[in-house]
Amino acid sequence: MVINCTVRNGAGPDGDEVLQVYHRAGASVVAFVNGSHPIPRRALVDFTRIGVRAGTTVPVSFRLLADDVLTLTNDLGARVLYPGTHLLDVYDGSGGNVTVAVEWPGSEVVAGHADRSELTGTTRTPKVVAAPPLPPGYAPNSARSAQRDSHN
């Protein structure tokens, strides 16, 4: 899946911006886990640092694999991709953020196998179910897509 956004430096000096993407388990995932193991409040799954010249807008894309970023570690130490709603929060360095809700269909999948064909060959795809308006400093670059990528 890909999250596209833009970062704008409307005025002021040239600068750098650090964008961070965090995963949070939605209420349906928390209910599915049902207390069988701890769930972190959020986990950093990707980040980038970009230079933004004064008065310019820079496109930013995060290319994320569901089995890498939507997983939780269970009580046996295995990374598990649980069905339900997962939340991806994109934060900038000045406190702005946008949340994208991603629905993972079907049953739980154990990730991190030596043979990843079970996950990369699946026809199940995460579906973006909600993307609220972007805060100041962000503008949609293109529609958010939810398509499985294979590891290269």
N, C-alpha and C. Protein backbone atom coordinates (compact mmCIF):
# COMPACT_ATOMS: atom_id res chain seq x y z
N MET A 1 0.84 -1.16 0.00
CA MET A 1 0.00 0.00 0.00
C MET A 1 0.89 1.23 0.00
N VAL A 2 0.35 2.32 -0.51
CA VAL A 2 1.12 3.54 -0.63
C VAL A 2 0.34 4.68 0.02
N ILE A 3 1.03 5.47 0.82
CA ILE A 3 0.46 6.69 1.37
C ILE A 3 1.21 7.83 0.72
N ASN A 4 0.50 8.68 0.00
CA ASN A 4 1.08 9.84 -0.66
C ASN A 4 0.60 11.10 0.04
N CYS A 5 1.50 12.05 0.21
CA CYS A 5 1.13 13.35 0.75
C CYS A 5 2.12 14.37 0.22
N THR A 6 1.88 15.62 0.53
CA THR A 6 2.83 16.66 0.17
C THR A 6 3.14 17.47 1.42
N VAL A 7 4.35 18.02 1.45
CA VAL A 7 4.76 18.89 2.55
C VAL A 7 5.04 20.25 1.94
N ARG A 8 4.48 21.27 2.55
CA ARG A 8 4.62 22.63 2.03
C ARG A 8 5.36 23.51 3.03
N ASN A 9 6.31 24.27 2.52
CA ASN A 9 6.99 25.30 3.30
C ASN A 9 6.48 26.63 2.74
N GLY A 10 5.38 27.13 3.32
CA GLY A 10 4.72 28.31 2.78
C GLY A 10 5.55 29.58 2.87
N ALA A 11 6.32 29.72 3.89
CA ALA A 11 7.15 30.91 4.08
C ALA A 11 8.28 30.55 5.02
N GLY A 12 9.22 31.43 5.08
CA GLY A 12 10.32 31.19 6.01
C GLY A 12 11.52 30.61 5.30
N PRO A 13 12.53 30.27 6.05
CA PRO A 13 13.76 29.77 5.45
C PRO A 13 13.60 28.33 4.95
N ASP A 14 14.56 27.91 4.12
CA ASP A 14 14.62 26.51 3.71
C ASP A 14 14.76 25.66 4.97
N GLY A 15 14.23 24.46 4.91
CA GLY A 15 14.32 23.62 6.10
C GLY A 15 14.16 22.16 5.77
N ASP A 16 14.32 21.35 6.78
CA ASP A 16 14.12 19.91 6.68
C ASP A 16 12.87 19.55 7.46
N GLU A 17 12.20 18.50 7.01
CA GLU A 17 11.03 17.99 7.69
C GLU A 17 11.21 16.48 7.86
N VAL A 18 10.91 15.98 9.04
CA VAL A 18 10.95 14.54 9.29
C VAL A 18 9.50 14.07 9.42
N LEU A 19 9.10 13.17 8.53
CA LEU A 19 7.77 12.58 8.60
C LEU A 19 7.90 11.18 9.16
N GLN A 20 7.02 10.82 10.07
CA GLN A 20 7.05 9.51 10.72
C GLN A 20 5.70 8.84 10.55
N VAL A 21 5.71 7.53 10.26
CA VAL A 21 4.48 6.75 10.14
C VAL A 21 4.44 5.75 11.29
N TYR A 22 3.34 5.79 12.04
CA TYR A 22 3.14 4.90 13.18
C TYR A 22 1.95 3.99 12.92
N HIS A 23 2.02 2.77 13.42
CA HIS A 23 0.89 1.83 13.37
C HIS A 23 0.25 1.77 14.74
N ARG A 24 -1.10 1.82 14.75
CA ARG A 24 -1.88 1.60 15.97
C ARG A 24 -2.94 0.55 15.65
N ALA A 25 -3.20 -0.33 16.58
CA ALA A 25 -4.26 -1.31 16.42
C ALA A 25 -5.60 -0.63 16.67
N GLY A 26 -6.55 -0.83 15.76
CA GLY A 26 -7.89 -0.30 15.95
C GLY A 26 -8.68 -1.13 16.95
N ALA A 27 -9.86 -0.65 17.31
CA ALA A 27 -10.69 -1.32 18.32
C ALA A 27 -11.03 -2.75 17.93
N SER A 28 -11.26 -3.01 16.65
CA SER A 28 -11.61 -4.37 16.23
C SER A 28 -10.42 -5.33 16.38
N VAL A 29 -9.20 -4.84 16.18
CA VAL A 29 -8.01 -5.67 16.38
C VAL A 29 -7.81 -5.94 17.86
N VAL A 30 -7.98 -4.91 18.68
CA VAL A 30 -7.86 -5.07 20.14
C VAL A 30 -8.87 -6.09 20.63
N ALA A 31 -10.09 -6.02 20.12
CA ALA A 31 -11.13 -6.99 20.52
C ALA A 31 -10.76 -8.40 20.07
N PHE A 32 -10.18 -8.54 18.88
CA PHE A 32 -9.80 -9.86 18.37
C PHE A 32 -8.71 -10.47 19.24
N VAL A 33 -7.71 -9.66 19.62
CA VAL A 33 -6.61 -10.14 20.47
C VAL A 33 -7.16 -10.51 21.85
N ASN A 34 -8.14 -9.75 22.33
CA ASN A 34 -8.85 -10.06 23.57
C ASN A 34 -7.93 -10.30 24.77
N GLY A 35 -6.89 -9.47 24.90
CA GLY A 35 -6.02 -9.56 26.06
C GLY A 35 -5.04 -10.71 26.07
N SER A 36 -4.92 -11.46 24.95
CA SER A 36 -4.01 -12.61 24.93
C SER A 36 -2.54 -12.20 24.97
N HIS A 37 -2.25 -10.95 24.62
CA HIS A 37 -0.89 -10.41 24.73
C HIS A 37 -0.98 -8.89 24.72
N PRO A 38 0.08 -8.22 25.20
CA PRO A 38 0.07 -6.75 25.20
C PRO A 38 0.05 -6.20 23.78
N ILE A 39 -0.55 -5.03 23.64
CA ILE A 39 -0.58 -4.33 22.35
C ILE A 39 0.03 -2.95 22.58
N PRO A 40 1.07 -2.60 21.83
CA PRO A 40 1.68 -1.27 22.02
C PRO A 40 0.70 -0.16 21.63
N ARG A 41 0.84 0.99 22.27
CA ARG A 41 0.00 2.14 21.90
C ARG A 41 0.22 2.52 20.45
N ARG A 42 1.46 2.52 20.02
CA ARG A 42 1.82 2.78 18.63
C ARG A 42 3.23 2.28 18.40
N ALA A 43 3.53 2.00 17.13
CA ALA A 43 4.86 1.51 16.77
C ALA A 43 5.32 2.24 15.52
N LEU A 44 6.54 2.76 15.53
CA LEU A 44 7.11 3.42 14.37
C LEU A 44 7.35 2.38 13.28
N VAL A 45 6.79 2.61 12.08
CA VAL A 45 6.94 1.65 10.99
C VAL A 45 7.70 2.21 9.80
N ASP A 46 7.81 3.53 9.68
CA ASP A 46 8.57 4.13 8.60
C ASP A 46 8.80 5.61 8.91
N PHE A 47 9.81 6.18 8.29
CA PHE A 47 10.06 7.61 8.43
C PHE A 47 10.91 8.07 7.26
N THR A 48 10.92 9.37 7.03
CA THR A 48 11.78 9.95 6.02
C THR A 48 12.09 11.38 6.41
N ARG A 49 13.25 11.85 5.97
CA ARG A 49 13.65 13.24 6.18
C ARG A 49 13.79 13.87 4.81
N ILE A 50 13.15 15.00 4.62
CA ILE A 50 13.19 15.66 3.32
C ILE A 50 13.56 17.13 3.50
N GLY A 51 14.22 17.69 2.50
CA GLY A 51 14.51 19.11 2.46
C GLY A 51 13.38 19.82 1.73
N VAL A 52 12.93 20.95 2.30
CA VAL A 52 11.86 21.72 1.67
C VAL A 52 12.32 23.17 1.58
N ARG A 53 12.49 23.64 0.36
CA ARG A 53 12.90 25.02 0.15
C ARG A 53 11.74 25.97 0.45
N ALA A 54 12.06 27.17 0.86
CA ALA A 54 11.03 28.16 1.18
C ALA A 54 10.11 28.37 -0.03
N GLY A 55 8.81 28.37 0.23
CA GLY A 55 7.83 28.62 -0.82
C GLY A 55 7.56 27.45 -1.74
N THR A 56 8.03 26.25 -1.39
CA THR A 56 7.83 25.09 -2.27
C THR A 56 7.01 24.00 -1.57
N THR A 57 6.55 23.07 -2.40
CA THR A 57 5.82 21.90 -1.93
C THR A 57 6.54 20.67 -2.45
N VAL A 58 6.73 19.68 -1.59
CA VAL A 58 7.46 18.46 -1.95
C VAL A 58 6.55 17.24 -1.77
N PRO A 59 6.41 16.40 -2.81
CA PRO A 59 5.63 15.18 -2.65
C PRO A 59 6.41 14.14 -1.85
N VAL A 60 5.69 13.39 -1.04
CA VAL A 60 6.30 12.33 -0.22
C VAL A 60 5.43 11.08 -0.36
N SER A 61 6.07 9.94 -0.58
CA SER A 61 5.36 8.66 -0.67
C SER A 61 5.96 7.67 0.31
N PHE A 62 5.10 6.98 1.03
CA PHE A 62 5.51 5.88 1.89
C PHE A 62 4.96 4.61 1.26
N ARG A 63 5.84 3.70 0.89
CA ARG A 63 5.47 2.42 0.30
C ARG A 63 5.57 1.38 1.41
N LEU A 64 4.44 0.85 1.83
CA LEU A 64 4.38 0.00 3.02
C LEU A 64 3.82 -1.37 2.67
N LEU A 65 4.41 -2.40 3.24
CA LEU A 65 3.91 -3.77 3.08
C LEU A 65 3.10 -4.14 4.31
N ALA A 66 1.89 -4.61 4.09
CA ALA A 66 0.99 -4.92 5.20
C ALA A 66 1.62 -5.87 6.19
N ASP A 67 2.32 -6.91 5.70
CA ASP A 67 2.88 -7.90 6.62
C ASP A 67 4.10 -7.37 7.37
N ASP A 68 4.60 -6.20 6.99
CA ASP A 68 5.68 -5.57 7.74
C ASP A 68 5.18 -4.53 8.73
N VAL A 69 4.16 -3.76 8.36
CA VAL A 69 3.77 -2.62 9.18
C VAL A 69 2.49 -2.81 9.99
N LEU A 70 1.67 -3.78 9.65
CA LEU A 70 0.40 -3.96 10.37
C LEU A 70 0.45 -5.12 11.36
N THR A 71 1.62 -5.64 11.64
CA THR A 71 1.72 -6.81 12.51
C THR A 71 1.91 -6.41 13.98
N LEU A 72 1.51 -7.32 14.85
CA LEU A 72 1.75 -7.23 16.28
C LEU A 72 2.51 -8.47 16.70
N THR A 73 3.30 -8.38 17.75
CA THR A 73 4.03 -9.53 18.25
C THR A 73 3.20 -10.21 19.33
N ASN A 74 2.90 -11.50 19.13
CA ASN A 74 2.06 -12.21 20.10
C ASN A 74 2.89 -12.71 21.28
N ASP A 75 2.26 -13.42 22.19
CA ASP A 75 2.94 -13.89 23.40
C ASP A 75 4.01 -14.94 23.13
N LEU A 76 4.04 -15.53 21.93
CA LEU A 76 5.06 -16.52 21.56
C LEU A 76 6.20 -15.89 20.78
N GLY A 77 6.13 -14.56 20.56
CA GLY A 77 7.18 -13.87 19.84
C GLY A 77 7.00 -13.85 18.33
N ALA A 78 5.90 -14.36 17.82
CA ALA A 78 5.62 -14.36 16.38
C ALA A 78 4.93 -13.06 16.00
N ARG A 79 5.26 -12.55 14.82
CA ARG A 79 4.57 -11.38 14.29
C ARG A 79 3.28 -11.85 13.62
N VAL A 80 2.16 -11.28 14.04
CA VAL A 80 0.86 -11.71 13.54
C VAL A 80 0.12 -10.52 12.94
N LEU A 81 -0.45 -10.74 11.77
CA LEU A 81 -1.29 -9.74 11.11
C LEU A 81 -2.74 -10.12 11.41
N TYR A 82 -3.36 -9.36 12.32
CA TYR A 82 -4.71 -9.66 12.76
C TYR A 82 -5.74 -9.00 11.85
N PRO A 83 -6.90 -9.65 11.68
CA PRO A 83 -7.97 -9.02 10.90
C PRO A 83 -8.56 -7.84 11.67
N GLY A 84 -9.08 -6.89 10.93
CA GLY A 84 -9.73 -5.74 11.55
C GLY A 84 -9.12 -4.44 11.07
N THR A 85 -9.45 -3.37 11.76
CA THR A 85 -9.00 -2.04 11.38
C THR A 85 -7.66 -1.71 12.03
N HIS A 86 -6.72 -1.30 11.21
CA HIS A 86 -5.40 -0.85 11.65
C HIS A 86 -5.30 0.63 11.29
N LEU A 87 -4.66 1.41 12.15
CA LEU A 87 -4.53 2.84 11.93
C LEU A 87 -3.09 3.20 11.65
N LEU A 88 -2.87 3.97 10.60
CA LEU A 88 -1.54 4.47 10.26
C LEU A 88 -1.55 5.98 10.44
N ASP A 89 -0.74 6.48 11.35
CA ASP A 89 -0.64 7.91 11.63
C ASP A 89 0.62 8.46 11.01
N VAL A 90 0.50 9.51 10.20
CA VAL A 90 1.65 10.20 9.62
C VAL A 90 1.82 11.51 10.39
N TYR A 91 2.95 11.66 11.07
CA TYR A 91 3.24 12.84 11.87
C TYR A 91 4.34 13.65 11.20
N ASP A 92 4.22 14.99 11.31
CA ASP A 92 5.31 15.84 10.88
C ASP A 92 6.04 16.35 12.12
N GLY A 93 7.10 17.09 11.92
CA GLY A 93 7.91 17.55 13.04
C GLY A 93 7.27 18.68 13.84
N SER A 94 6.16 19.25 13.36
CA SER A 94 5.56 20.38 14.07
C SER A 94 4.23 20.02 14.71
N GLY A 95 3.95 18.75 14.88
CA GLY A 95 2.76 18.32 15.59
C GLY A 95 1.55 18.02 14.73
N GLY A 96 1.61 18.26 13.44
CA GLY A 96 0.49 17.93 12.57
C GLY A 96 0.49 16.44 12.26
N ASN A 97 -0.71 15.89 12.05
CA ASN A 97 -0.76 14.49 11.68
C ASN A 97 -2.02 14.19 10.88
N VAL A 98 -1.99 13.07 10.18
CA VAL A 98 -3.14 12.55 9.46
C VAL A 98 -3.21 11.06 9.77
N THR A 99 -4.43 10.53 9.90
CA THR A 99 -4.62 9.12 10.18
C THR A 99 -5.34 8.46 9.02
N VAL A 100 -4.81 7.32 8.60
CA VAL A 100 -5.43 6.51 7.56
C VAL A 100 -5.84 5.20 8.20
N ALA A 101 -7.11 4.83 8.05
CA ALA A 101 -7.60 3.57 8.59
C ALA A 101 -7.54 2.51 7.48
N VAL A 102 -6.95 1.36 7.80
CA VAL A 102 -6.78 0.27 6.84
C VAL A 102 -7.47 -0.96 7.41
N GLU A 103 -8.35 -1.56 6.63
CA GLU A 103 -9.07 -2.77 7.05
C GLU A 103 -8.36 -3.99 6.48
N TRP A 104 -7.92 -4.91 7.36
CA TRP A 104 -7.32 -6.16 6.90
C TRP A 104 -8.40 -7.23 6.95
N PRO A 105 -8.74 -7.81 5.78
CA PRO A 105 -9.82 -8.80 5.74
C PRO A 105 -9.34 -10.19 6.13
N GLY A 106 -10.27 -11.06 6.45
CA GLY A 106 -9.95 -12.47 6.65
C GLY A 106 -9.45 -12.79 8.03
N SER A 107 -8.72 -13.90 8.10
CA SER A 107 -8.24 -14.40 9.38
C SER A 107 -6.82 -13.94 9.64
N GLU A 108 -6.33 -14.23 10.85
CA GLU A 108 -4.98 -13.81 11.21
C GLU A 108 -3.95 -14.57 10.39
N VAL A 109 -2.83 -13.90 10.13
CA VAL A 109 -1.74 -14.47 9.34
C VAL A 109 -0.46 -14.29 10.14
N VAL A 110 0.33 -15.36 10.28
CA VAL A 110 1.61 -15.26 10.95
C VAL A 110 2.64 -14.78 9.93
N ALA A 111 3.30 -13.68 10.24
CA ALA A 111 4.28 -13.08 9.33
C ALA A 111 5.69 -13.47 9.75
N GLY A 112 6.66 -13.14 8.92
CA GLY A 112 8.05 -13.34 9.25
C GLY A 112 8.57 -14.73 8.98
N HIS A 113 7.85 -15.53 8.18
CA HIS A 113 8.35 -16.85 7.80
C HIS A 113 9.56 -16.70 6.90
N ALA A 114 10.44 -17.70 6.90
CA ALA A 114 11.56 -17.70 5.95
C ALA A 114 11.02 -17.71 4.53
N ASP A 115 9.94 -18.45 4.31
CA ASP A 115 9.27 -18.49 3.01
C ASP A 115 8.07 -17.55 3.08
N ARG A 116 8.19 -16.38 2.48
CA ARG A 116 7.15 -15.37 2.57
C ARG A 116 6.10 -15.52 1.48
N SER A 117 6.16 -16.58 0.67
CA SER A 117 5.21 -16.73 -0.43
C SER A 117 3.77 -16.81 0.08
N GLU A 118 3.59 -17.30 1.30
CA GLU A 118 2.24 -17.38 1.87
C GLU A 118 1.59 -16.00 1.93
N LEU A 119 2.40 -14.97 2.22
CA LEU A 119 1.86 -13.63 2.34
C LEU A 119 1.92 -12.85 1.03
N THR A 120 3.03 -12.95 0.32
CA THR A 120 3.18 -12.13 -0.88
C THR A 120 2.36 -12.66 -2.03
N GLY A 121 1.96 -13.93 -2.00
CA GLY A 121 1.17 -14.49 -3.08
C GLY A 121 -0.32 -14.46 -2.81
N THR A 122 -0.72 -13.94 -1.67
CA THR A 122 -2.13 -13.95 -1.31
C THR A 122 -2.93 -12.95 -2.13
N THR A 123 -4.20 -13.23 -2.30
CA THR A 123 -5.06 -12.30 -3.02
C THR A 123 -5.77 -11.35 -2.07
N ARG A 124 -5.59 -11.56 -0.77
CA ARG A 124 -6.19 -10.64 0.20
C ARG A 124 -5.43 -9.34 0.18
N THR A 125 -6.13 -8.24 0.15
CA THR A 125 -5.48 -6.94 0.16
C THR A 125 -6.08 -6.08 1.24
N PRO A 126 -5.25 -5.25 1.87
CA PRO A 126 -5.82 -4.31 2.82
C PRO A 126 -6.63 -3.27 2.08
N LYS A 127 -7.64 -2.74 2.70
CA LYS A 127 -8.52 -1.76 2.08
C LYS A 127 -8.50 -0.50 2.93
N VAL A 128 -8.19 0.63 2.31
CA VAL A 128 -8.25 1.90 3.04
C VAL A 128 -9.71 2.24 3.23
N VAL A 129 -10.14 2.34 4.49
CA VAL A 129 -11.55 2.57 4.77
C VAL A 129 -11.86 3.99 5.20
N ALA A 130 -10.87 4.75 5.62
CA ALA A 130 -11.12 6.14 6.01
C ALA A 130 -9.83 6.93 5.98
N ALA A 131 -9.92 8.10 5.44
CA ALA A 131 -8.79 9.02 5.44
C ALA A 131 -9.35 10.42 5.68
N PRO A 132 -9.26 10.93 6.92
CA PRO A 132 -9.84 12.23 7.23
C PRO A 132 -9.09 13.36 6.50
N PRO A 133 -9.66 14.55 6.49
CA PRO A 133 -8.98 15.68 5.83
C PRO A 133 -7.59 15.89 6.39
N LEU A 134 -6.69 16.32 5.53
CA LEU A 134 -5.32 16.56 5.95
C LEU A 134 -5.20 17.90 6.67
N PRO A 135 -4.30 17.98 7.65
CA PRO A 135 -4.12 19.23 8.39
C PRO A 135 -3.32 20.23 7.56
N PRO A 136 -3.23 21.48 8.00
CA PRO A 136 -2.41 22.47 7.29
C PRO A 136 -0.99 21.96 7.11
N GLY A 137 -0.41 22.22 5.97
CA GLY A 137 0.93 21.73 5.68
C GLY A 137 0.93 20.47 4.86
N TYR A 138 -0.20 19.78 4.79
CA TYR A 138 -0.33 18.57 3.99
C TYR A 138 -1.40 18.83 2.93
N ALA A 139 -1.21 18.22 1.80
CA ALA A 139 -2.24 18.23 0.76
C ALA A 139 -2.19 16.89 0.08
N PRO A 140 -3.34 16.35 -0.32
CA PRO A 140 -3.31 15.04 -0.98
C PRO A 140 -2.54 15.11 -2.28
N ASN A 141 -1.65 14.18 -2.49
CA ASN A 141 -0.87 14.12 -3.72
C ASN A 141 -1.60 13.27 -4.74
N SER A 142 -2.19 12.19 -4.29
CA SER A 142 -3.03 11.34 -5.14
C SER A 142 -3.83 10.46 -4.21
N ALA A 143 -4.76 9.73 -4.76
CA ALA A 143 -5.58 8.84 -3.93
C ALA A 143 -4.69 7.83 -3.24
N ARG A 144 -5.03 7.53 -2.01
CA ARG A 144 -4.29 6.50 -1.30
C ARG A 144 -4.73 5.16 -1.85
N SER A 145 -3.76 4.32 -2.14
CA SER A 145 -4.11 3.01 -2.66
C SER A 145 -3.73 1.94 -1.65
N ALA A 146 -4.38 0.83 -1.74
CA ALA A 146 -4.10 -0.29 -0.86
C ALA A 146 -3.90 -1.51 -1.74
N GLN A 147 -2.67 -1.72 -2.13
CA GLN A 147 -2.37 -2.85 -3.00
C GLN A 147 -1.16 -3.59 -2.46
N ARG A 148 -1.25 -4.88 -2.41
CA ARG A 148 -0.14 -5.68 -1.90
C ARG A 148 1.05 -5.55 -2.84
N ASP A 149 2.22 -5.45 -2.28
CA ASP A 149 3.46 -5.42 -3.04
C ASP A 149 4.23 -6.68 -2.70
N SER A 150 5.02 -7.14 -3.64
CA SER A 150 5.88 -8.28 -3.33
C SER A 150 7.26 -7.76 -2.97
N HIS A 151 7.99 -8.51 -2.20
CA HIS A 151 9.34 -8.12 -1.82
C HIS A 151 10.24 -8.26 -3.04
N ASN A 152 11.08 -7.27 -3.22
CA ASN A 152 12.05 -7.32 -4.33
C ASN A 152 13.44 -7.57 -3.81
